[in-house]
């Protein structure tokens, strides 16, 4: 037994030494990976800056905006990316609840999402988002159900999205079920004397099929970038651009949330956004703004 134990200890030491050497000297792959430079740029941007400073109302408001985008993402899978702009109104004056109206809101041809922010824990906070009672529509497509279970990390650097969505075509009566799964990173940088909260993320759309067995299959992959300027007063602004990457046949579809300067009020426990969200095909990817 002593000999066997000695051999195991020797093997374990060899594995530890090998792993240690891996952390100091990485083997060079045979060819360059075209995605590496982009990954390095994203990692560098996050680590070179500081965590965002979102307050409670911002966590509710920004979480609702991300929920609106994920809902529209699902709609594009079976119902296309025809150009359409919706009015978007997001509001909270409560430490726990808020709502977002798309296209006027529930009962008037649009959709309303309602959010409840859970107590802040030492590890983060949970945000529950559901469709409001009543008839919710997105350009004639009925939103039967939106059930979002989202979460903020402790320092607001990670926003996690997980939603179950059911849409119904009112002409055929068929219901389509989706799952939206995504993660988004946020960081803060001061530019020109103004504090900006930047974000980037990936989202996956999964589509339900009952046969030959029940499963949600991955069908879409999206990438997004966002800009948020949270001035205390009515001088805030926000932009979210989400771009469809896969499937390649549908690439070029983009969802854009735009709230120009003066479209956001943030202060005294209130977050209010009055902007638009647009679905449609575009020729470019993301807007590139030169450094000041």
Protein backbone atom coordinates (compact mmCIF):
# COMPACT_ATOMS: atom_id res chain seq x y z
CA UNK A 1 0.00 0.00 0.00
CA UNK A 2 2.86 2.38 0.77
CA UNK A 3 4.36 1.77 -2.66
CA UNK A 4 1.03 2.40 -4.39
CA UNK A 5 0.44 5.58 -2.38
CA UNK A 6 3.96 6.75 -3.21
CA UNK A 7 3.30 6.17 -6.92
CA UNK A 8 0.02 8.10 -6.78
CA UNK A 9 1.72 11.00 -5.05
CA UNK A 10 4.41 11.02 -7.71
CA UNK A 11 1.80 11.07 -10.49
CA UNK A 12 -0.15 13.86 -8.78
CA UNK A 13 3.00 15.94 -8.43
CA UNK A 14 3.81 15.43 -12.09
CA UNK A 15 0.29 16.56 -13.13
CA UNK A 16 0.54 19.64 -10.89
CA UNK A 17 3.95 20.55 -12.35
CA UNK A 18 2.62 20.10 -15.87
CA UNK A 19 -0.41 22.32 -15.18
CA UNK A 20 1.83 24.91 -13.59
CA UNK A 21 4.02 25.00 -16.69
CA UNK A 22 0.91 25.46 -18.84
CA UNK A 23 0.07 28.68 -17.04
CA UNK A 24 3.48 30.16 -17.81
CA UNK A 25 4.04 28.96 -21.38
CA UNK A 26 1.18 28.31 -23.79
CA UNK A 27 1.81 26.17 -26.82
CA UNK A 28 1.37 28.06 -30.10
CA UNK A 29 -1.48 26.78 -32.29
CA UNK A 30 -0.47 25.94 -35.86
CA UNK A 31 -2.63 28.66 -37.48
CA UNK A 32 -4.15 31.96 -36.32
CA UNK A 33 -7.76 31.99 -35.12
CA UNK A 34 -9.53 34.96 -36.78
CA UNK A 35 -11.70 35.47 -33.68
CA UNK A 36 -8.81 35.93 -31.24
CA UNK A 37 -8.16 39.64 -31.91
CA UNK A 38 -11.80 40.47 -31.23
CA UNK A 39 -11.78 38.44 -28.03
CA UNK A 40 -8.58 40.15 -26.86
CA UNK A 41 -10.12 43.57 -27.57
CA UNK A 42 -13.25 42.78 -25.52
CA UNK A 43 -11.29 41.34 -22.59
CA UNK A 44 -8.92 44.31 -22.62
CA UNK A 45 -11.79 46.82 -22.64
CA UNK A 46 -13.43 45.23 -19.61
CA UNK A 47 -10.26 44.82 -17.56
CA UNK A 48 -8.92 48.30 -18.36
CA UNK A 49 -12.04 49.99 -17.00
CA UNK A 50 -14.22 49.80 -13.88
CA UNK A 51 -17.56 48.17 -12.93
CA UNK A 52 -20.76 50.11 -13.69
CA UNK A 53 -22.58 51.94 -10.92
CA UNK A 54 -26.21 51.06 -11.64
CA UNK A 55 -28.75 51.97 -8.97
CA UNK A 56 -31.88 49.94 -8.26
CA UNK A 57 -34.09 51.73 -10.78
CA UNK A 58 -31.44 51.33 -13.48
CA UNK A 59 -31.20 47.59 -12.85
CA UNK A 60 -34.96 47.35 -13.36
CA UNK A 61 -35.05 49.67 -16.38
CA UNK A 62 -32.05 48.21 -18.19
CA UNK A 63 -33.27 44.67 -17.47
CA UNK A 64 -36.63 45.53 -19.04
CA UNK A 65 -34.91 46.92 -22.15
CA UNK A 66 -32.92 43.70 -22.52
CA UNK A 67 -36.17 41.74 -22.14
CA UNK A 68 -37.83 43.79 -24.89
CA UNK A 69 -34.95 43.02 -27.23
CA UNK A 70 -34.99 39.29 -26.44
CA UNK A 71 -38.74 39.16 -27.12
CA UNK A 72 -38.26 40.78 -30.54
CA UNK A 73 -35.36 38.42 -31.23
CA UNK A 74 -37.74 35.46 -30.90
CA UNK A 75 -40.25 37.05 -33.23
CA UNK A 76 -37.71 37.22 -36.07
CA UNK A 77 -37.10 33.47 -36.13
CA UNK A 78 -40.44 32.41 -37.64
CA UNK A 79 -41.99 35.74 -38.60
CA UNK A 80 -39.13 37.46 -40.41
CA UNK A 81 -37.12 40.66 -40.11
CA UNK A 82 -39.39 43.08 -41.98
CA UNK A 83 -38.61 46.66 -41.02
CA UNK A 84 -40.77 47.92 -38.19
CA UNK A 85 -40.26 50.64 -35.58
CA UNK A 86 -42.10 50.49 -32.25
CA UNK A 87 -42.42 53.24 -29.67
CA UNK A 88 -40.73 52.15 -26.45
CA UNK A 89 -41.56 53.51 -23.01
CA UNK A 90 -39.85 52.15 -19.88
CA UNK A 91 -40.67 53.37 -16.39
CA UNK A 92 -40.03 52.63 -12.75
CA UNK A 93 -40.37 54.76 -9.63
CA UNK A 94 -40.25 51.78 -7.27
CA UNK A 95 -37.31 49.91 -5.76
CA UNK A 96 -38.88 46.61 -6.85
CA UNK A 97 -41.19 47.02 -9.88
CA UNK A 98 -41.33 48.60 -13.33
CA UNK A 99 -42.80 48.13 -16.80
CA UNK A 100 -42.01 48.49 -20.50
CA UNK A 101 -44.58 49.37 -23.17
CA UNK A 102 -43.80 48.31 -26.75
CA UNK A 103 -45.92 49.89 -29.47
CA UNK A 104 -48.29 51.52 -26.99
CA UNK A 105 -48.59 48.56 -24.65
CA UNK A 106 -51.06 45.82 -23.82
CA UNK A 107 -54.64 46.12 -25.10
CA UNK A 108 -53.89 48.76 -27.76
CA UNK A 109 -51.99 46.68 -30.31
CA UNK A 110 -48.70 46.49 -28.43
CA UNK A 111 -47.09 44.57 -25.57
CA UNK A 112 -46.33 45.36 -21.94
CA UNK A 113 -43.68 43.61 -19.89
CA UNK A 114 -43.67 43.88 -16.09
CA UNK A 115 -40.61 43.44 -13.88
CA UNK A 116 -40.06 42.56 -10.23
CA UNK A 117 -36.57 42.98 -8.76
CA UNK A 118 -35.78 40.66 -5.89
CA UNK A 119 -33.86 41.63 -2.75
CA UNK A 120 -30.21 42.37 -3.34
CA UNK A 121 -28.04 39.55 -2.04
CA UNK A 122 -24.30 39.58 -1.41
CA UNK A 123 -23.94 37.61 -4.65
CA UNK A 124 -26.34 39.61 -6.85
CA UNK A 125 -30.04 40.18 -7.52
CA UNK A 126 -32.76 38.43 -9.51
CA UNK A 127 -35.09 40.15 -11.97
CA UNK A 128 -38.37 38.44 -12.89
CA UNK A 129 -40.08 39.73 -16.05
CA UNK A 130 -43.51 38.65 -17.34
CA UNK A 131 -46.01 39.78 -19.96
CA UNK A 132 -48.86 41.86 -18.55
CA UNK A 133 -52.39 40.39 -18.38
CA UNK A 134 -54.42 41.05 -21.53
CA UNK A 135 -53.86 40.88 -25.29
CA UNK A 136 -50.20 41.53 -26.09
CA UNK A 137 -49.26 41.92 -29.77
CA UNK A 138 -46.12 42.56 -31.82
CA UNK A 139 -47.15 43.70 -35.29
CA UNK A 140 -50.10 41.30 -35.31
CA UNK A 141 -48.31 38.37 -33.65
CA UNK A 142 -49.75 37.49 -30.24
CA UNK A 143 -47.38 37.25 -27.29
CA UNK A 144 -48.97 34.35 -25.42
CA UNK A 145 -46.27 34.20 -22.75
CA UNK A 146 -43.04 35.87 -21.75
CA UNK A 147 -41.43 34.45 -18.62
CA UNK A 148 -38.00 35.89 -17.94
CA UNK A 149 -35.71 34.84 -15.12
CA UNK A 150 -32.80 37.26 -15.28
CA UNK A 151 -30.06 38.22 -12.88
CA UNK A 152 -27.46 40.88 -12.08
CA UNK A 153 -24.10 40.01 -10.59
CA UNK A 154 -23.00 41.65 -7.33
CA UNK A 155 -21.18 44.54 -9.03
CA UNK A 156 -23.54 44.79 -12.03
CA UNK A 157 -20.80 43.59 -14.39
CA UNK A 158 -22.84 40.61 -15.64
CA UNK A 159 -26.47 40.50 -16.73
CA UNK A 160 -27.82 37.01 -17.34
CA UNK A 161 -30.96 36.49 -19.47
CA UNK A 162 -33.11 33.36 -19.52
CA UNK A 163 -36.61 33.59 -20.93
CA UNK A 164 -39.34 31.24 -22.09
CA UNK A 165 -41.44 32.80 -24.87
CA UNK A 166 -44.57 31.64 -26.70
CA UNK A 167 -45.87 33.48 -29.77
CA UNK A 168 -49.06 32.73 -31.70
CA UNK A 169 -49.86 33.52 -35.30
CA UNK A 170 -53.41 34.88 -35.15
CA UNK A 171 -54.12 33.82 -38.75
CA UNK A 172 -53.10 30.15 -38.38
CA UNK A 173 -53.58 29.76 -34.63
CA UNK A 174 -50.26 27.94 -34.30
CA UNK A 175 -48.11 28.56 -31.22
CA UNK A 176 -44.33 28.71 -31.40
CA UNK A 177 -42.22 28.21 -28.28
CA UNK A 178 -38.73 29.62 -27.76
CA UNK A 179 -36.05 29.98 -25.16
CA UNK A 180 -33.75 32.98 -25.11
CA UNK A 181 -30.42 32.51 -23.33
CA UNK A 182 -27.84 35.25 -23.14
CA UNK A 183 -25.16 36.96 -21.10
CA UNK A 184 -24.00 40.55 -21.22
CA UNK A 185 -21.02 42.29 -19.68
CA UNK A 186 -20.97 45.93 -18.56
CA UNK A 187 -18.14 48.30 -17.71
CA UNK A 188 -17.77 52.02 -17.05
CA UNK A 189 -15.51 54.58 -18.70
CA UNK A 190 -15.34 58.37 -18.44
CA UNK A 191 -15.01 60.06 -21.84
CA UNK A 192 -14.96 63.81 -22.33
CA UNK A 193 -16.02 64.39 -18.75
CA UNK A 194 -19.11 62.17 -19.12
CA UNK A 195 -19.57 58.76 -17.55
CA UNK A 196 -20.53 56.01 -20.02
CA UNK A 197 -21.65 52.47 -19.23
CA UNK A 198 -20.74 50.18 -22.13
CA UNK A 199 -22.05 46.69 -22.72
CA UNK A 200 -21.51 43.72 -25.02
CA UNK A 201 -23.10 40.31 -25.12
CA UNK A 202 -24.17 37.16 -26.92
CA UNK A 203 -27.66 35.67 -27.16
CA UNK A 204 -28.93 32.32 -28.41
CA UNK A 205 -32.45 31.57 -29.61
CA UNK A 206 -33.77 28.04 -29.14
CA UNK A 207 -36.85 26.72 -30.95
CA UNK A 208 -39.11 23.98 -29.58
CA UNK A 209 -39.90 20.79 -31.48
CA UNK A 210 -42.10 17.98 -30.14
CA UNK A 211 -40.96 15.21 -32.50
CA UNK A 212 -39.15 12.85 -32.50
CA UNK A 213 -38.75 13.97 -28.88
CA UNK A 214 -39.31 17.22 -27.03
CA UNK A 215 -36.35 19.56 -27.22
CA UNK A 216 -35.40 23.22 -27.69
CA UNK A 217 -32.92 23.36 -30.59
CA UNK A 218 -30.45 26.25 -31.09
CA UNK A 219 -31.50 28.20 -34.20
CA UNK A 220 -30.06 31.73 -33.90
CA UNK A 221 -26.97 33.47 -32.52
CA UNK A 222 -26.90 37.23 -31.89
CA UNK A 223 -24.25 39.66 -30.71
CA UNK A 224 -24.94 43.07 -29.23
CA UNK A 225 -23.23 46.24 -28.11
CA UNK A 226 -24.71 49.06 -26.03
CA UNK A 227 -23.99 52.62 -24.91
CA UNK A 228 -25.64 54.16 -21.83
CA UNK A 229 -25.02 57.64 -20.47
CA UNK A 230 -26.71 57.85 -17.03
CA UNK A 231 -26.78 61.56 -16.24
CA UNK A 232 -28.74 62.43 -13.11
CA UNK A 233 -31.57 64.46 -14.67
CA UNK A 234 -33.04 64.38 -18.16
CA UNK A 235 -29.70 64.37 -20.01
CA UNK A 236 -29.25 60.60 -20.31
CA UNK A 237 -29.13 58.61 -23.53
CA UNK A 238 -29.00 54.94 -24.52
CA UNK A 239 -28.33 52.82 -27.62
CA UNK A 240 -28.50 49.03 -27.97
CA UNK A 241 -27.61 47.33 -31.26
CA UNK A 242 -28.15 43.58 -31.60
CA UNK A 243 -26.94 41.86 -34.77
CA UNK A 244 -27.97 38.41 -36.08
CA UNK A 245 -24.90 36.30 -36.93
CA UNK A 246 -26.32 32.79 -37.41
CA UNK A 247 -28.05 31.56 -39.53
CA UNK A 248 -25.94 33.12 -42.27
CA UNK A 249 -28.92 33.21 -44.62
CA UNK A 250 -30.64 35.70 -42.29
CA UNK A 251 -27.58 37.69 -41.22
CA UNK A 252 -28.06 41.43 -41.57
CA UNK A 253 -31.12 41.48 -39.33
CA UNK A 254 -30.64 43.97 -36.51
CA UNK A 255 -32.63 45.18 -33.52
CA UNK A 256 -31.89 48.73 -32.39
CA UNK A 257 -33.01 50.49 -29.23
CA UNK A 258 -32.43 54.22 -29.54
CA UNK A 259 -33.03 56.88 -26.90
CA UNK A 260 -31.09 60.00 -27.94
CA UNK A 261 -29.84 62.68 -25.58
CA UNK A 262 -32.71 63.93 -23.42
CA UNK A 263 -34.82 60.75 -23.82
CA UNK A 264 -33.97 59.37 -20.37
CA UNK A 265 -34.72 60.73 -16.93
CA UNK A 266 -32.71 59.15 -14.12
CA UNK A 267 -32.92 60.50 -10.60
CA UNK A 268 -34.73 60.43 -7.24
CA UNK A 269 -35.49 56.72 -7.63
CA UNK A 270 -37.04 57.16 -11.09
CA UNK A 271 -35.87 55.65 -14.37
CA UNK A 272 -37.85 56.76 -17.42
CA UNK A 273 -36.99 56.11 -21.07
CA UNK A 274 -38.98 57.38 -24.04
CA UNK A 275 -37.43 56.02 -27.24
CA UNK A 276 -37.87 53.54 -30.09
CA UNK A 277 -36.95 49.96 -30.91
CA UNK A 278 -36.50 49.06 -34.57
CA UNK A 279 -36.31 45.67 -36.28
CA UNK A 280 -34.92 45.47 -39.80
CA UNK A 281 -32.07 44.58 -42.12
CA UNK A 282 -29.00 46.81 -42.25
CA UNK A 283 -25.89 46.90 -44.42
CA UNK A 284 -23.38 47.50 -41.63
CA UNK A 285 -22.65 45.90 -38.28
CA UNK A 286 -22.25 48.28 -35.34
CA UNK A 287 -21.69 52.05 -35.43
CA UNK A 288 -18.00 52.84 -35.07
CA UNK A 289 -17.30 56.14 -33.32
CA UNK A 290 -13.71 57.49 -33.37
CA UNK A 291 -11.98 58.21 -30.08
CA UNK A 292 -12.41 61.87 -29.01
